[in-house]
Amino acid sequence: MVKDFYINNMVYDRCIKGLKDEFHAHNIELLQVELGRLRLDIEDHYVDKLETLLKEHGFALIISTEDKLTEKVKIELIKLLNMMPLENKGKLSDILADKLQRDYSKISKVFSTTEGITIEKYFIKLKIEKIKELIQTPEYNFMEISQMLDYSNVNHLSKQFKSETGMSLRDYKNGRKNFRNPLDKIV
């Protein structure tokens, strides 16, 4: 029976490859896979095996409708952030409402309730992690990073970075220990 399964913590492309390999090794027919979602041809009595397999790799099945919507929001924001440069493609609320085919006020309310943080604040946290990643690659300066992430200017980027991390951009760049938070741990 063909079913869609929504998966928690599946936020990196390398998760897809790992699960493909694992499912192949266990003879589970994977019809489609994308961040946060699997389509499988699986019988109901094999769902427990699927849950165990996912758990062994740090993932979990998402059951509730609210949690599925929240995970979809996270995935869409991560996808958006991976489309560099992040040019002003419209308001975040309009983008999410269009992608998820739902009223933004409903999306926002569910997200805030399940995560305890607004979508906008969550997106800022994602952007901060992207900034850290870009700082660690020597090919971009702070001005280029601010432009790539659609900040109005480098001062805005700098203030937001300091507010979120407690460090200046330069201190982070010069630090011996550059720490980044995994995307699946951001809340």
N, C-alpha and C. Protein backbone atom coordinates (compact mmCIF):
# COMPACT_ATOMS: atom_id res chain seq x y z
N MET A 1 0.84 -1.17 0.00
CA MET A 1 0.00 0.00 0.00
C MET A 1 0.90 1.24 0.00
N VAL A 2 0.64 2.18 -0.89
CA VAL A 2 1.45 3.39 -1.02
C VAL A 2 1.00 4.40 0.04
N LYS A 3 1.98 4.87 0.82
CA LYS A 3 1.68 5.83 1.89
C LYS A 3 2.77 6.89 1.96
N ASP A 4 2.36 8.09 2.38
CA ASP A 4 3.30 9.16 2.68
C ASP A 4 3.57 9.18 4.17
N PHE A 5 4.83 9.36 4.52
CA PHE A 5 5.23 9.46 5.92
C PHE A 5 6.02 10.75 6.09
N TYR A 6 5.70 11.49 7.12
CA TYR A 6 6.43 12.71 7.42
C TYR A 6 7.41 12.41 8.53
N ILE A 7 8.63 12.91 8.34
CA ILE A 7 9.75 12.54 9.20
C ILE A 7 10.31 13.77 9.90
N ASN A 8 10.47 13.65 11.20
CA ASN A 8 11.05 14.72 12.02
C ASN A 8 12.57 14.65 11.93
N ASN A 9 13.20 15.80 11.93
CA ASN A 9 14.67 15.94 11.94
C ASN A 9 15.35 15.63 10.61
N MET A 10 14.61 15.46 9.55
CA MET A 10 15.20 15.14 8.24
C MET A 10 15.36 16.44 7.47
N VAL A 11 16.44 17.18 7.77
CA VAL A 11 16.59 18.54 7.25
C VAL A 11 17.83 18.75 6.37
N TYR A 12 18.59 17.71 6.16
CA TYR A 12 19.78 17.82 5.33
C TYR A 12 19.67 16.87 4.14
N ASP A 13 20.25 17.25 3.02
CA ASP A 13 20.24 16.38 1.84
C ASP A 13 20.94 15.05 2.11
N ARG A 14 21.93 15.06 2.98
CA ARG A 14 22.63 13.80 3.28
C ARG A 14 21.73 12.81 4.00
N CYS A 15 20.66 13.31 4.65
CA CYS A 15 19.68 12.42 5.28
C CYS A 15 18.99 11.56 4.22
N ILE A 16 18.72 12.16 3.08
CA ILE A 16 18.05 11.45 2.00
C ILE A 16 18.89 10.28 1.52
N LYS A 17 20.19 10.54 1.28
CA LYS A 17 21.06 9.47 0.80
C LYS A 17 21.17 8.36 1.84
N GLY A 18 21.32 8.74 3.09
CA GLY A 18 21.44 7.74 4.15
C GLY A 18 20.20 6.85 4.25
N LEU A 19 19.04 7.47 4.15
CA LEU A 19 17.81 6.68 4.23
C LEU A 19 17.62 5.82 2.99
N LYS A 20 17.97 6.35 1.83
CA LYS A 20 17.86 5.54 0.61
C LYS A 20 18.70 4.27 0.75
N ASP A 21 19.93 4.43 1.20
CA ASP A 21 20.82 3.28 1.38
C ASP A 21 20.26 2.29 2.40
N GLU A 22 19.76 2.82 3.50
CA GLU A 22 19.23 1.98 4.57
C GLU A 22 17.99 1.22 4.12
N PHE A 23 17.10 1.90 3.42
CA PHE A 23 15.88 1.24 2.94
C PHE A 23 16.22 0.17 1.91
N HIS A 24 17.18 0.46 1.06
CA HIS A 24 17.62 -0.53 0.07
C HIS A 24 18.16 -1.78 0.78
N ALA A 25 18.95 -1.57 1.82
CA ALA A 25 19.52 -2.69 2.56
C ALA A 25 18.45 -3.53 3.26
N HIS A 26 17.32 -2.90 3.60
CA HIS A 26 16.23 -3.62 4.27
C HIS A 26 15.08 -3.99 3.32
N ASN A 27 15.34 -3.86 2.02
CA ASN A 27 14.35 -4.21 1.01
C ASN A 27 13.00 -3.50 1.20
N ILE A 28 13.07 -2.24 1.57
CA ILE A 28 11.86 -1.41 1.68
C ILE A 28 11.78 -0.59 0.41
N GLU A 29 10.63 -0.67 -0.27
CA GLU A 29 10.48 0.02 -1.54
C GLU A 29 10.19 1.50 -1.32
N LEU A 30 11.19 2.30 -1.62
CA LEU A 30 11.10 3.75 -1.49
C LEU A 30 10.69 4.33 -2.83
N LEU A 31 9.51 4.90 -2.89
CA LEU A 31 8.99 5.44 -4.14
C LEU A 31 9.44 6.88 -4.37
N GLN A 32 9.49 7.65 -3.29
CA GLN A 32 9.88 9.06 -3.40
C GLN A 32 10.42 9.51 -2.04
N VAL A 33 11.41 10.37 -2.08
CA VAL A 33 11.95 10.91 -0.84
C VAL A 33 12.34 12.37 -1.07
N GLU A 34 12.03 13.19 -0.11
CA GLU A 34 12.45 14.59 -0.10
C GLU A 34 12.61 14.97 1.36
N LEU A 35 13.18 16.12 1.61
CA LEU A 35 13.38 16.54 2.99
C LEU A 35 12.05 16.46 3.75
N GLY A 36 12.04 15.72 4.84
CA GLY A 36 10.87 15.65 5.71
C GLY A 36 9.76 14.73 5.26
N ARG A 37 9.92 14.06 4.13
CA ARG A 37 8.80 13.22 3.65
C ARG A 37 9.30 12.02 2.85
N LEU A 38 8.65 10.88 3.09
CA LEU A 38 8.92 9.66 2.34
C LEU A 38 7.61 9.15 1.74
N ARG A 39 7.69 8.58 0.58
CA ARG A 39 6.55 7.85 0.01
C ARG A 39 7.03 6.42 -0.18
N LEU A 40 6.34 5.51 0.50
CA LEU A 40 6.74 4.11 0.49
C LEU A 40 5.59 3.23 0.05
N ASP A 41 5.95 2.10 -0.52
CA ASP A 41 4.99 1.04 -0.76
C ASP A 41 5.20 0.05 0.37
N ILE A 42 4.35 0.15 1.38
CA ILE A 42 4.58 -0.61 2.61
C ILE A 42 3.25 -1.06 3.20
N GLU A 43 3.25 -2.25 3.75
CA GLU A 43 2.05 -2.77 4.41
C GLU A 43 1.99 -2.25 5.84
N ASP A 44 0.79 -2.12 6.37
CA ASP A 44 0.60 -1.56 7.71
C ASP A 44 1.43 -2.27 8.78
N HIS A 45 1.58 -3.57 8.68
CA HIS A 45 2.30 -4.31 9.72
C HIS A 45 3.81 -4.06 9.69
N TYR A 46 4.30 -3.38 8.66
CA TYR A 46 5.72 -3.04 8.59
C TYR A 46 6.03 -1.63 9.13
N VAL A 47 5.01 -0.90 9.53
CA VAL A 47 5.21 0.48 10.00
C VAL A 47 6.05 0.49 11.28
N ASP A 48 5.86 -0.48 12.16
CA ASP A 48 6.68 -0.56 13.38
C ASP A 48 8.15 -0.74 13.03
N LYS A 49 8.44 -1.56 12.03
CA LYS A 49 9.82 -1.76 11.57
C LYS A 49 10.37 -0.44 11.02
N LEU A 50 9.54 0.27 10.28
CA LEU A 50 9.94 1.57 9.74
C LEU A 50 10.27 2.54 10.87
N GLU A 51 9.41 2.60 11.88
CA GLU A 51 9.65 3.50 13.02
C GLU A 51 10.96 3.16 13.72
N THR A 52 11.23 1.89 13.91
CA THR A 52 12.47 1.45 14.56
C THR A 52 13.67 1.84 13.72
N LEU A 53 13.58 1.61 12.42
CA LEU A 53 14.67 1.95 11.51
C LEU A 53 14.94 3.45 11.53
N LEU A 54 13.90 4.25 11.50
CA LEU A 54 14.06 5.71 11.54
C LEU A 54 14.68 6.15 12.86
N LYS A 55 14.20 5.58 13.94
CA LYS A 55 14.70 5.94 15.28
C LYS A 55 16.20 5.64 15.41
N GLU A 56 16.63 4.52 14.84
CA GLU A 56 18.06 4.15 14.88
C GLU A 56 18.93 5.20 14.21
N HIS A 57 18.35 5.98 13.31
CA HIS A 57 19.11 6.99 12.57
C HIS A 57 18.77 8.42 13.00
N GLY A 58 18.12 8.56 14.16
CA GLY A 58 17.87 9.88 14.71
C GLY A 58 16.63 10.58 14.16
N PHE A 59 15.76 9.83 13.50
CA PHE A 59 14.55 10.40 12.94
C PHE A 59 13.33 9.87 13.70
N ALA A 60 12.19 10.46 13.43
CA ALA A 60 10.95 9.99 14.04
C ALA A 60 9.79 10.27 13.09
N LEU A 61 8.82 9.38 13.10
CA LEU A 61 7.60 9.61 12.32
C LEU A 61 6.80 10.72 12.97
N ILE A 62 6.23 11.56 12.15
CA ILE A 62 5.35 12.62 12.64
C ILE A 62 3.93 12.16 12.41
N ILE A 63 3.15 12.17 13.47
CA ILE A 63 1.80 11.66 13.40
C ILE A 63 0.76 12.78 13.33
N SER A 64 0.87 13.76 14.21
CA SER A 64 -0.18 14.77 14.31
C SER A 64 -0.16 15.74 13.13
N THR A 65 -1.32 16.21 12.76
CA THR A 65 -1.46 17.16 11.65
C THR A 65 -0.70 18.44 11.93
N GLU A 66 -0.74 18.91 13.18
CA GLU A 66 -0.05 20.14 13.55
C GLU A 66 1.46 19.98 13.42
N ASP A 67 1.98 18.86 13.88
CA ASP A 67 3.43 18.61 13.78
C ASP A 67 3.87 18.46 12.32
N LYS A 68 3.01 17.88 11.49
CA LYS A 68 3.33 17.76 10.06
C LYS A 68 3.42 19.14 9.43
N LEU A 69 2.47 20.00 9.76
CA LEU A 69 2.49 21.36 9.20
C LEU A 69 3.74 22.11 9.66
N THR A 70 4.07 21.97 10.93
CA THR A 70 5.26 22.63 11.48
C THR A 70 6.52 22.15 10.76
N GLU A 71 6.62 20.86 10.54
CA GLU A 71 7.80 20.31 9.86
C GLU A 71 7.86 20.80 8.41
N LYS A 72 6.71 20.91 7.76
CA LYS A 72 6.66 21.43 6.39
C LYS A 72 7.17 22.87 6.35
N VAL A 73 6.79 23.67 7.35
CA VAL A 73 7.26 25.06 7.42
C VAL A 73 8.78 25.07 7.54
N LYS A 74 9.31 24.27 8.43
CA LYS A 74 10.77 24.21 8.62
C LYS A 74 11.48 23.83 7.33
N ILE A 75 10.96 22.82 6.66
CA ILE A 75 11.58 22.36 5.42
C ILE A 75 11.53 23.44 4.35
N GLU A 76 10.40 24.12 4.21
CA GLU A 76 10.29 25.18 3.20
C GLU A 76 11.26 26.33 3.51
N LEU A 77 11.43 26.66 4.77
CA LEU A 77 12.36 27.73 5.14
C LEU A 77 13.80 27.32 4.86
N ILE A 78 14.13 26.08 5.13
CA ILE A 78 15.48 25.58 4.85
C ILE A 78 15.73 25.58 3.34
N LYS A 79 14.74 25.14 2.57
CA LYS A 79 14.87 25.17 1.11
C LYS A 79 15.06 26.60 0.61
N LEU A 80 14.29 27.51 1.15
CA LEU A 80 14.38 28.92 0.76
C LEU A 80 15.78 29.45 1.04
N LEU A 81 16.32 29.12 2.19
CA LEU A 81 17.64 29.60 2.58
C LEU A 81 18.75 28.98 1.73
N ASN A 82 18.49 27.82 1.17
CA ASN A 82 19.49 27.17 0.31
C ASN A 82 19.50 27.73 -1.10
N MET A 83 18.52 28.57 -1.43
CA MET A 83 18.49 29.20 -2.76
C MET A 83 19.20 30.54 -2.67
N MET A 84 20.52 30.47 -2.69
CA MET A 84 21.33 31.67 -2.55
C MET A 84 21.59 32.28 -3.92
N PRO A 85 21.59 33.59 -4.09
CA PRO A 85 21.32 34.57 -3.05
C PRO A 85 19.83 34.61 -2.72
N LEU A 86 19.56 34.98 -1.49
CA LEU A 86 18.19 35.07 -0.99
C LEU A 86 17.63 36.42 -1.37
N GLU A 87 17.19 36.51 -2.60
CA GLU A 87 16.67 37.78 -3.07
C GLU A 87 15.26 37.96 -2.55
N ASN A 88 14.85 39.18 -2.44
CA ASN A 88 13.51 39.46 -1.93
C ASN A 88 12.48 38.86 -2.88
N LYS A 89 12.01 37.70 -2.52
CA LYS A 89 11.04 36.98 -3.35
C LYS A 89 9.62 37.22 -2.83
N GLY A 90 9.43 38.27 -2.06
CA GLY A 90 8.13 38.55 -1.48
C GLY A 90 8.17 38.34 0.02
N LYS A 91 7.06 38.60 0.63
CA LYS A 91 6.98 38.43 2.08
C LYS A 91 7.01 36.95 2.43
N LEU A 92 7.67 36.65 3.53
CA LEU A 92 7.78 35.28 4.00
C LEU A 92 6.39 34.67 4.19
N SER A 93 5.47 35.43 4.70
CA SER A 93 4.11 34.93 4.92
C SER A 93 3.46 34.51 3.61
N ASP A 94 3.64 35.32 2.56
CA ASP A 94 3.06 34.99 1.25
C ASP A 94 3.72 33.76 0.65
N ILE A 95 5.02 33.65 0.80
CA ILE A 95 5.76 32.51 0.26
C ILE A 95 5.27 31.22 0.91
N LEU A 96 5.16 31.21 2.23
CA LEU A 96 4.73 30.00 2.94
C LEU A 96 3.28 29.66 2.64
N ALA A 97 2.42 30.67 2.61
CA ALA A 97 1.00 30.42 2.30
C ALA A 97 0.87 29.79 0.91
N ASP A 98 1.66 30.28 -0.03
CA ASP A 98 1.63 29.75 -1.39
C ASP A 98 2.18 28.32 -1.45
N LYS A 99 3.31 28.09 -0.83
CA LYS A 99 3.95 26.77 -0.87
C LYS A 99 3.11 25.70 -0.17
N LEU A 100 2.50 26.09 0.95
CA LEU A 100 1.76 25.11 1.75
C LEU A 100 0.26 25.10 1.46
N GLN A 101 -0.16 26.02 0.60
CA GLN A 101 -1.57 26.10 0.21
C GLN A 101 -2.49 26.19 1.42
N ARG A 102 -2.12 27.07 2.34
CA ARG A 102 -2.90 27.31 3.56
C ARG A 102 -2.86 28.78 3.90
N ASP A 103 -3.81 29.20 4.69
CA ASP A 103 -3.85 30.58 5.18
C ASP A 103 -2.68 30.79 6.15
N TYR A 104 -1.94 31.88 5.96
CA TYR A 104 -0.75 32.10 6.77
C TYR A 104 -1.07 32.23 8.26
N SER A 105 -2.20 32.82 8.59
CA SER A 105 -2.52 32.97 10.03
C SER A 105 -2.66 31.60 10.69
N LYS A 106 -3.20 30.62 9.99
CA LYS A 106 -3.30 29.25 10.51
C LYS A 106 -1.91 28.63 10.64
N ILE A 107 -1.10 28.79 9.60
CA ILE A 107 0.27 28.25 9.61
C ILE A 107 1.04 28.84 10.79
N SER A 108 0.96 30.15 10.94
CA SER A 108 1.69 30.85 11.99
C SER A 108 1.24 30.41 13.38
N LYS A 109 -0.04 30.30 13.56
CA LYS A 109 -0.58 29.91 14.87
C LYS A 109 -0.13 28.50 15.25
N VAL A 110 -0.25 27.57 14.30
CA VAL A 110 0.16 26.19 14.57
C VAL A 110 1.66 26.13 14.86
N PHE A 111 2.46 26.81 14.07
CA PHE A 111 3.92 26.80 14.26
C PHE A 111 4.28 27.35 15.64
N SER A 112 3.73 28.49 15.99
CA SER A 112 4.03 29.12 17.28
C SER A 112 3.61 28.23 18.45
N THR A 113 2.48 27.57 18.30
CA THR A 113 1.99 26.69 19.36
C THR A 113 2.89 25.47 19.52
N THR A 114 3.27 24.85 18.41
CA THR A 114 4.07 23.62 18.51
C THR A 114 5.53 23.88 18.85
N GLU A 115 6.08 25.01 18.39
CA GLU A 115 7.50 25.27 18.58
C GLU A 115 7.82 26.29 19.68
N GLY A 116 6.83 27.08 20.07
CA GLY A 116 7.08 28.09 21.10
C GLY A 116 7.88 29.27 20.60
N ILE A 117 7.87 29.48 19.30
CA ILE A 117 8.63 30.56 18.67
C ILE A 117 7.88 30.94 17.39
N THR A 118 7.98 32.20 16.99
CA THR A 118 7.32 32.60 15.75
C THR A 118 8.11 32.10 14.54
N ILE A 119 7.45 32.04 13.42
CA ILE A 119 8.11 31.64 12.17
C ILE A 119 9.24 32.62 11.84
N GLU A 120 8.97 33.90 12.02
CA GLU A 120 9.97 34.91 11.69
C GLU A 120 11.22 34.76 12.55
N LYS A 121 11.02 34.51 13.85
CA LYS A 121 12.17 34.33 14.75
C LYS A 121 12.94 33.04 14.39
N TYR A 122 12.21 32.01 14.04
CA TYR A 122 12.85 30.76 13.62
C TYR A 122 13.68 31.00 12.35
N PHE A 123 13.13 31.75 11.40
CA PHE A 123 13.85 32.02 10.16
C PHE A 123 15.12 32.83 10.44
N ILE A 124 15.06 33.76 11.37
CA ILE A 124 16.25 34.52 11.76
C ILE A 124 17.31 33.56 12.30
N LYS A 125 16.90 32.62 13.13
CA LYS A 125 17.85 31.65 13.67
C LYS A 125 18.49 30.81 12.56
N LEU A 126 17.68 30.42 11.57
CA LEU A 126 18.24 29.70 10.42
C LEU A 126 19.24 30.57 9.67
N LYS A 127 18.89 31.84 9.46
CA LYS A 127 19.79 32.74 8.75
C LYS A 127 21.11 32.91 9.51
N ILE A 128 21.04 32.97 10.83
CA ILE A 128 22.26 33.11 11.63
C ILE A 128 23.17 31.90 11.40
N GLU A 129 22.60 30.70 11.35
CA GLU A 129 23.41 29.51 11.09
C GLU A 129 24.01 29.55 9.68
N LYS A 130 23.26 30.07 8.73
CA LYS A 130 23.78 30.21 7.36
C LYS A 130 24.92 31.23 7.34
N ILE A 131 24.77 32.32 8.10
CA ILE A 131 25.83 33.33 8.20
C ILE A 131 27.10 32.69 8.77
N LYS A 132 26.95 31.90 9.82
CA LYS A 132 28.11 31.22 10.40
C LYS A 132 28.80 30.34 9.36
N GLU A 133 28.00 29.61 8.61
CA GLU A 133 28.55 28.75 7.56
C GLU A 133 29.32 29.57 6.53
N LEU A 134 28.74 30.68 6.09
CA LEU A 134 29.38 31.51 5.07
C LEU A 134 30.62 32.21 5.60
N ILE A 135 30.61 32.59 6.89
CA ILE A 135 31.79 33.21 7.49
C ILE A 135 32.96 32.23 7.49
N GLN A 136 32.67 30.97 7.71
CA GLN A 136 33.72 29.96 7.79
C GLN A 136 34.33 29.63 6.43
N THR A 137 33.65 30.03 5.36
CA THR A 137 34.24 29.87 4.03
C THR A 137 34.88 31.20 3.66
N PRO A 138 36.15 31.21 3.36
CA PRO A 138 36.87 32.48 3.16
C PRO A 138 36.50 33.24 1.88
N GLU A 139 35.63 32.69 1.06
CA GLU A 139 35.37 33.34 -0.23
C GLU A 139 34.42 34.54 -0.14
N TYR A 140 33.75 34.74 0.99
CA TYR A 140 32.80 35.86 1.11
C TYR A 140 33.19 36.81 2.23
N ASN A 141 33.02 38.12 1.98
CA ASN A 141 33.19 39.10 3.05
C ASN A 141 31.82 39.40 3.65
N PHE A 142 31.80 40.20 4.71
CA PHE A 142 30.55 40.47 5.41
C PHE A 142 29.53 41.19 4.52
N MET A 143 30.00 42.08 3.68
CA MET A 143 29.09 42.79 2.77
C MET A 143 28.43 41.80 1.80
N GLU A 144 29.21 40.90 1.24
CA GLU A 144 28.65 39.92 0.31
C GLU A 144 27.66 38.99 1.02
N ILE A 145 27.97 38.62 2.24
CA ILE A 145 27.06 37.77 3.01
C ILE A 145 25.75 38.50 3.26
N SER A 146 25.84 39.77 3.63
CA SER A 146 24.61 40.53 3.89
C SER A 146 23.77 40.64 2.62
N GLN A 147 24.40 40.80 1.49
CA GLN A 147 23.66 40.88 0.23
C GLN A 147 23.06 39.53 -0.14
N MET A 148 23.81 38.46 0.06
CA MET A 148 23.32 37.12 -0.28
C MET A 148 22.11 36.73 0.56
N LEU A 149 22.04 37.23 1.79
CA LEU A 149 20.94 36.88 2.68
C LEU A 149 19.89 37.98 2.76
N ASP A 150 19.94 38.91 1.82
CA ASP A 150 18.92 39.95 1.64
C ASP A 150 18.76 40.87 2.86
N TYR A 151 19.88 41.19 3.51
CA TYR A 151 19.85 42.20 4.56
C TYR A 151 19.93 43.57 3.89
N SER A 152 19.30 44.55 4.49
CA SER A 152 19.30 45.90 3.90
C SER A 152 20.71 46.48 3.86
N ASN A 153 21.53 46.12 4.85
CA ASN A 153 22.93 46.55 4.87
C ASN A 153 23.71 45.69 5.86
N VAL A 154 25.01 45.84 5.85
CA VAL A 154 25.86 45.01 6.70
C VAL A 154 25.64 45.34 8.19
N ASN A 155 25.26 46.58 8.51
CA ASN A 155 24.99 46.93 9.90
C ASN A 155 23.80 46.16 10.46
N HIS A 156 22.77 46.00 9.64
CA HIS A 156 21.60 45.22 10.07
C HIS A 156 22.00 43.78 10.34
N LEU A 157 22.77 43.20 9.43
CA LEU A 157 23.28 41.84 9.61
C LEU A 157 24.09 41.75 10.90
N SER A 158 24.99 42.69 11.09
CA SER A 158 25.87 42.69 12.26
C SER A 158 25.09 42.77 13.57
N LYS A 159 24.11 43.67 13.62
CA LYS A 159 23.30 43.82 14.83
C LYS A 159 22.50 42.56 15.13
N GLN A 160 21.91 41.98 14.10
CA GLN A 160 21.11 40.77 14.30
C GLN A 160 22.00 39.61 14.74
N PHE A 161 23.18 39.49 14.14
CA PHE A 161 24.11 38.42 14.51
C PHE A 161 24.53 38.56 15.97
N LYS A 162 24.88 39.78 16.36
CA LYS A 162 25.31 40.03 17.75
C LYS A 162 24.16 39.74 18.72
N SER A 163 22.97 40.16 18.36
CA SER A 163 21.80 39.94 19.20
C SER A 163 21.53 38.45 19.42
N GLU A 164 21.71 37.66 18.37
CA GLU A 164 21.42 36.23 18.45
C GLU A 164 22.55 35.41 19.07
N THR A 165 23.80 35.80 18.81
CA THR A 165 24.93 34.97 19.24
C THR A 165 25.71 35.56 20.41
N GLY A 166 25.57 36.88 20.63
CA GLY A 166 26.36 37.54 21.65
C GLY A 166 27.77 37.87 21.19
N MET A 167 28.04 37.64 19.92
CA MET A 167 29.37 37.89 19.35
C MET A 167 29.24 38.78 18.13
N SER A 168 30.29 39.54 17.88
CA SER A 168 30.31 40.31 16.64
C SER A 168 30.69 39.36 15.51
N LEU A 169 30.44 39.79 14.28
CA LEU A 169 30.82 38.99 13.12
C LEU A 169 32.32 38.71 13.11
N ARG A 170 33.10 39.76 13.40
CA ARG A 170 34.55 39.63 13.39
C ARG A 170 35.03 38.69 14.50
N ASP A 171 34.44 38.81 15.69
CA ASP A 171 34.83 37.90 16.77
C ASP A 171 34.54 36.44 16.40
N TYR A 172 33.40 36.23 15.78
CA TYR A 172 33.07 34.87 15.36
C TYR A 172 34.07 34.37 14.30
N LYS A 173 34.36 35.23 13.34
CA LYS A 173 35.29 34.84 12.27
C LYS A 173 36.68 34.55 12.82
N ASN A 174 37.12 35.35 13.78
CA ASN A 174 38.47 35.18 14.33
C ASN A 174 38.55 34.14 15.43
N GLY A 175 37.42 33.67 15.90
CA GLY A 175 37.41 32.68 16.98
C GLY A 175 37.99 31.37 16.53
N ARG A 176 38.67 30.74 17.45
CA ARG A 176 39.27 29.45 17.12
C ARG A 176 38.21 28.36 17.07
N LYS A 177 37.18 28.55 17.88
CA LYS A 177 36.11 27.56 17.91
C LYS A 177 34.86 28.18 17.31
N ASN A 178 34.65 27.94 16.06
CA ASN A 178 33.44 28.41 15.41
C ASN A 178 32.36 27.36 15.61
N PHE A 179 31.36 27.69 16.36
CA PHE A 179 30.31 26.72 16.66
C PHE A 179 29.08 27.01 15.81
N ARG A 180 28.50 25.94 15.34
CA ARG A 180 27.25 26.04 14.59
C ARG A 180 26.27 25.08 15.20
N ASN A 181 25.01 25.46 15.16
CA ASN A 181 23.95 24.61 15.67
C ASN A 181 23.37 23.79 14.52
N PRO A 182 23.18 22.49 14.73
CA PRO A 182 22.55 21.70 13.67
C PRO A 182 21.13 22.22 13.40
N LEU A 183 20.73 22.21 12.16
CA LEU A 183 19.43 22.76 11.79
C LEU A 183 18.27 22.04 12.47
N ASP A 184 18.43 20.74 12.75
CA ASP A 184 17.36 20.02 13.41
C ASP A 184 17.27 20.31 14.91
N LYS A 185 18.20 21.09 15.43
CA LYS A 185 18.17 21.44 16.86
C LYS A 185 17.78 22.90 17.09
N ILE A 186 17.46 23.63 16.05
CA ILE A 186 17.10 25.03 16.18
C ILE A 186 15.65 25.16 16.61
N VAL A 187 15.44 25.84 17.70
CA VAL A 187 14.09 26.20 18.14
C VAL A 187 14.19 27.43 19.00
